[in-house]
Amino acid sequence: MWNSVTSVVKFLCLSVAVFLIAVTMPAHAVPVLDQEHNPFLNIQGNIGQHSNGFFGDRAQTFTVGITGILSRVEIRVFNRDLVATQPLIIDIRTVVGGVPTEANFGPNILETHSVAAALVPTTQFGFVGVDLAGIAVTAGDVLAIAARTTDPANFSFIWGATNTDLYAGGAQYNRVTGVPYGLNDGVRDLNFRTFVEVPAPGALLILGIGLVGVGIARRKR
């Protein structure tokens, strides 16, 4: 009788120990490349001030493929001839009817980040990325990556693109001051990548494995 009670007490103690270890261990998320459009560049999208005095923005819509946390976006750009001095501003925007939302401030901007002009490649196109605080996404969601600047230089940054519709999950849009986003002929796509964090096996799985191990050890004794 005493041995049975002792075994039960030991089992409970080990269970509690495994549980405490499990719940205090971080369940790290793993970033996964979700969407990517990076074929050979054969066209470009200008970002900056137009010769007519209006500022021009670019945006690329994309369709989320993995449910998780959108944690990083990258766009393929370069700082034209070291012209740009003001930062490149990258937004993650909501989409209405397939079109990026307009306002530069407000709930339609899920996150906004600035990239110093000096960090944008100057000799050739390169991917420039921003780490996001984390946007919960579900497979099938449609969002937009928008790029803009307040730099007075003419066409300060250039975003690489293709003149064929190779990315089926979205399209390129552009706008100038006072004019809403418009589809850029419907066949062009800007080069970009998105990364989604997928939850790794967490504490409950660790706990389950630990309890199974404890049970096996008890049966052997």
Protein backbone atom coordinates (compact mmCIF):
# COMPACT_ATOMS: atom_id res chain seq x y z
CA MET A 1 0.00 0.00 0.00
CA TRP A 2 2.75 2.40 1.00
CA ASN A 3 4.66 1.70 -2.22
CA SER A 4 1.56 2.50 -4.28
CA VAL A 5 1.06 5.81 -2.48
CA THR A 6 4.73 6.66 -2.92
CA SER A 7 4.54 5.92 -6.66
CA VAL A 8 1.49 8.14 -7.05
CA VAL A 9 3.18 10.98 -5.16
CA LYS A 10 6.30 10.65 -7.30
CA PHE A 11 4.21 10.63 -10.46
CA LEU A 12 2.35 13.77 -9.39
CA CYS A 13 5.57 15.54 -8.43
CA LEU A 14 7.19 14.69 -11.75
CA SER A 15 4.06 15.82 -13.61
CA VAL A 16 4.07 19.18 -11.84
CA ALA A 17 7.79 19.60 -12.57
CA VAL A 18 7.31 18.85 -16.27
CA PHE A 19 4.35 21.24 -16.41
CA LEU A 20 6.32 24.09 -14.82
CA ILE A 21 9.19 23.58 -17.22
CA ALA A 22 6.85 23.47 -20.19
CA VAL A 23 4.87 26.60 -19.41
CA THR A 24 8.01 28.64 -18.74
CA MET A 25 9.72 27.63 -21.99
CA PRO A 26 9.11 30.12 -24.85
CA ALA A 27 7.27 28.70 -27.82
CA HIS A 28 9.25 30.38 -30.56
CA ALA A 29 7.57 31.14 -33.87
CA VAL A 30 9.34 30.30 -37.10
CA PRO A 31 9.36 32.90 -39.93
CA VAL A 32 8.42 31.35 -43.26
CA LEU A 33 8.66 32.86 -46.73
CA ASP A 34 5.04 33.22 -47.78
CA GLN A 35 4.67 35.36 -50.91
CA GLU A 36 7.44 36.19 -53.37
CA HIS A 37 7.60 37.90 -56.74
CA ASN A 38 11.21 38.16 -57.84
CA PRO A 39 11.65 37.32 -61.52
CA PHE A 40 14.02 39.07 -63.92
CA LEU A 41 13.50 42.83 -63.77
CA ASN A 42 12.44 44.44 -67.02
CA ILE A 43 10.65 47.58 -65.85
CA GLN A 44 10.58 49.90 -62.86
CA GLY A 45 8.21 51.93 -60.73
CA ASN A 46 9.28 55.40 -59.70
CA ILE A 47 8.74 56.65 -56.14
CA GLY A 48 9.14 60.33 -55.42
CA GLN A 49 8.26 63.71 -56.86
CA HIS A 50 6.93 63.86 -60.40
CA SER A 51 7.99 66.63 -62.75
CA ASN A 52 4.50 68.11 -62.33
CA GLY A 53 5.19 68.68 -58.64
CA PHE A 54 3.05 65.79 -57.34
CA PHE A 55 4.49 63.07 -55.19
CA GLY A 56 4.11 59.59 -56.58
CA ASP A 57 3.56 56.44 -54.51
CA ARG A 58 3.60 52.76 -55.45
CA ALA A 59 1.82 49.79 -53.95
CA GLN A 60 1.70 46.06 -54.56
CA THR A 61 -1.22 43.99 -53.34
CA PHE A 62 -0.67 40.40 -52.27
CA THR A 63 -2.70 37.45 -51.03
CA VAL A 64 -1.63 35.80 -47.77
CA GLY A 65 -0.96 32.10 -48.19
CA ILE A 66 -0.17 31.06 -44.60
CA THR A 67 -2.18 31.73 -41.46
CA GLY A 68 0.01 33.23 -38.75
CA ILE A 69 1.73 36.53 -37.97
CA LEU A 70 3.00 38.73 -40.82
CA SER A 71 6.41 39.67 -39.42
CA ARG A 72 8.48 41.03 -42.31
CA VAL A 73 8.14 42.48 -45.79
CA GLU A 74 10.85 43.23 -48.35
CA ILE A 75 10.78 45.23 -51.57
CA ARG A 76 13.40 45.33 -54.32
CA VAL A 77 14.48 48.95 -54.77
CA PHE A 78 17.40 51.26 -55.27
CA ASN A 79 18.25 54.87 -54.42
CA ARG A 80 18.58 56.45 -57.84
CA ASP A 81 22.03 57.96 -58.24
CA LEU A 82 22.19 58.81 -54.53
CA VAL A 83 19.45 61.37 -55.15
CA ALA A 84 17.22 60.49 -52.20
CA THR A 85 17.94 62.06 -48.84
CA GLN A 86 14.59 61.56 -47.06
CA PRO A 87 13.66 58.04 -45.92
CA LEU A 88 11.73 55.48 -47.88
CA ILE A 89 8.41 54.94 -46.09
CA ILE A 90 6.90 51.46 -46.26
CA ASP A 91 3.31 50.84 -45.20
CA ILE A 92 1.20 47.75 -44.82
CA ARG A 93 -2.29 48.84 -45.85
CA THR A 94 -5.73 47.35 -45.93
CA VAL A 95 -7.39 46.77 -49.28
CA VAL A 96 -10.95 47.60 -50.32
CA GLY A 97 -12.29 46.04 -53.50
CA GLY A 98 -8.78 44.91 -54.35
CA VAL A 99 -7.43 48.50 -54.22
CA PRO A 100 -5.02 49.81 -51.53
CA THR A 101 -6.68 52.23 -49.12
CA GLU A 102 -5.80 55.91 -49.49
CA ALA A 103 -5.18 57.61 -46.15
CA ASN A 104 -1.58 57.78 -44.95
CA PHE A 105 -2.75 57.77 -41.33
CA GLY A 106 -5.46 55.87 -39.53
CA PRO A 107 -6.68 52.32 -38.97
CA ASN A 108 -6.17 51.42 -42.63
CA ILE A 109 -2.41 51.60 -42.02
CA LEU A 110 -1.65 48.38 -40.17
CA GLU A 111 2.02 49.32 -39.74
CA THR A 112 4.36 51.94 -41.15
CA HIS A 113 8.17 51.99 -41.11
CA SER A 114 10.90 54.26 -42.40
CA VAL A 115 14.10 53.12 -44.07
CA ALA A 116 16.97 55.63 -44.18
CA ALA A 117 17.93 56.57 -47.72
CA ALA A 118 21.53 55.55 -46.97
CA LEU A 119 20.37 51.96 -46.37
CA VAL A 120 18.86 51.61 -49.85
CA PRO A 121 21.24 50.19 -52.50
CA THR A 122 22.62 52.75 -54.95
CA THR A 123 24.37 50.72 -57.64
CA GLN A 124 21.78 48.05 -58.35
CA PHE A 125 18.42 46.76 -57.17
CA GLY A 126 18.43 45.04 -53.82
CA PHE A 127 15.88 43.83 -51.31
CA VAL A 128 15.20 46.26 -48.47
CA GLY A 129 13.11 44.90 -45.63
CA VAL A 130 11.32 46.04 -42.50
CA ASP A 131 10.53 43.90 -39.48
CA LEU A 132 6.95 44.29 -38.38
CA ALA A 133 5.62 44.32 -34.84
CA GLY A 134 3.28 41.56 -36.00
CA ILE A 135 0.05 41.54 -37.99
CA ALA A 136 -2.27 38.58 -37.52
CA VAL A 137 -3.19 37.22 -40.96
CA THR A 138 -5.28 34.39 -42.32
CA ALA A 139 -4.68 32.54 -45.56
CA GLY A 140 -6.65 34.35 -48.26
CA ASP A 141 -6.36 37.85 -46.74
CA VAL A 142 -5.45 40.55 -49.26
CA LEU A 143 -3.18 43.39 -48.13
CA ALA A 144 -0.95 45.96 -49.79
CA ILE A 145 2.69 46.97 -49.42
CA ALA A 146 2.91 50.69 -50.19
CA ALA A 147 6.09 52.73 -50.64
CA ARG A 148 6.34 56.51 -50.60
CA THR A 149 8.67 59.37 -49.72
CA THR A 150 8.57 63.10 -49.04
CA ASP A 151 11.89 63.66 -50.74
CA PRO A 152 11.78 66.61 -53.18
CA ALA A 153 14.18 64.89 -55.59
CA ASN A 154 12.58 63.73 -58.82
CA PHE A 155 11.87 59.99 -58.64
CA SER A 156 14.07 59.46 -55.58
CA PHE A 157 13.63 55.70 -55.34
CA ILE A 158 12.89 53.08 -57.95
CA TRP A 159 10.99 49.86 -57.21
CA GLY A 160 11.81 46.96 -59.50
CA ALA A 161 8.98 45.39 -61.47
CA THR A 162 8.01 43.18 -64.36
CA ASN A 163 5.79 44.20 -67.25
CA THR A 164 3.99 40.86 -67.31
CA ASP A 165 1.41 39.58 -64.85
CA LEU A 166 3.51 36.85 -63.25
CA TYR A 167 2.07 37.21 -59.74
CA ALA A 168 -1.52 36.00 -59.61
CA GLY A 169 -2.20 37.09 -56.03
CA GLY A 170 -2.13 40.85 -56.59
CA ALA A 171 -1.14 43.75 -58.80
CA GLN A 172 0.80 47.00 -58.92
CA TYR A 173 -0.93 50.30 -58.14
CA ASN A 174 0.31 53.85 -58.30
CA ARG A 175 -0.98 57.29 -57.36
CA VAL A 176 0.00 60.93 -57.28
CA THR A 177 -1.04 63.59 -54.80
CA GLY A 178 -4.76 64.17 -54.90
CA VAL A 179 -5.43 61.24 -57.21
CA PRO A 180 -6.54 57.85 -55.78
CA TYR A 181 -4.59 54.67 -56.26
CA GLY A 182 -5.06 53.32 -59.76
CA LEU A 183 -4.24 49.97 -61.30
CA ASN A 184 -1.06 50.21 -63.33
CA ASP A 185 -2.45 48.68 -66.56
CA GLY A 186 -3.28 45.44 -64.72
CA VAL A 187 -0.33 43.42 -65.98
CA ARG A 188 2.61 44.72 -63.95
CA ASP A 189 3.83 43.45 -60.60
CA LEU A 190 6.42 44.93 -58.26
CA ASN A 191 9.13 42.72 -56.78
CA PHE A 192 8.56 41.85 -53.12
CA ARG A 193 8.69 39.16 -50.44
CA THR A 194 6.58 38.58 -47.34
CA PHE A 195 7.31 36.43 -44.30
CA VAL A 196 4.80 34.92 -41.89
CA GLU A 197 5.61 33.46 -38.48
CA VAL A 198 4.05 30.10 -37.82
CA PRO A 199 3.73 28.97 -34.18
CA ALA A 200 6.20 26.23 -33.30
CA PRO A 201 5.24 23.24 -31.10
CA GLY A 202 4.46 24.86 -27.76
CA ALA A 203 4.38 24.10 -24.13
CA LEU A 204 1.44 21.72 -24.27
CA LEU A 205 3.23 19.42 -26.69
CA ILE A 206 6.31 19.44 -24.49
CA LEU A 207 4.12 18.71 -21.51
CA GLY A 208 2.47 15.79 -23.25
CA ILE A 209 5.82 14.26 -24.20
CA GLY A 210 7.04 14.68 -20.64
CA LEU A 211 3.99 12.99 -19.15
CA VAL A 212 4.29 10.09 -21.56
CA GLY A 213 7.91 9.67 -20.50
CA VAL A 214 6.95 9.73 -16.84
CA GLY A 215 4.27 7.10 -17.44
CA ILE A 216 6.70 4.82 -19.27
CA ALA A 217 9.25 5.14 -16.50
CA ARG A 218 6.62 4.33 -13.89
CA ARG A 219 5.50 1.20 -15.77
CA LYS A 220 9.09 -0.01 -16.04
CA ARG A 221 9.54 0.35 -12.28
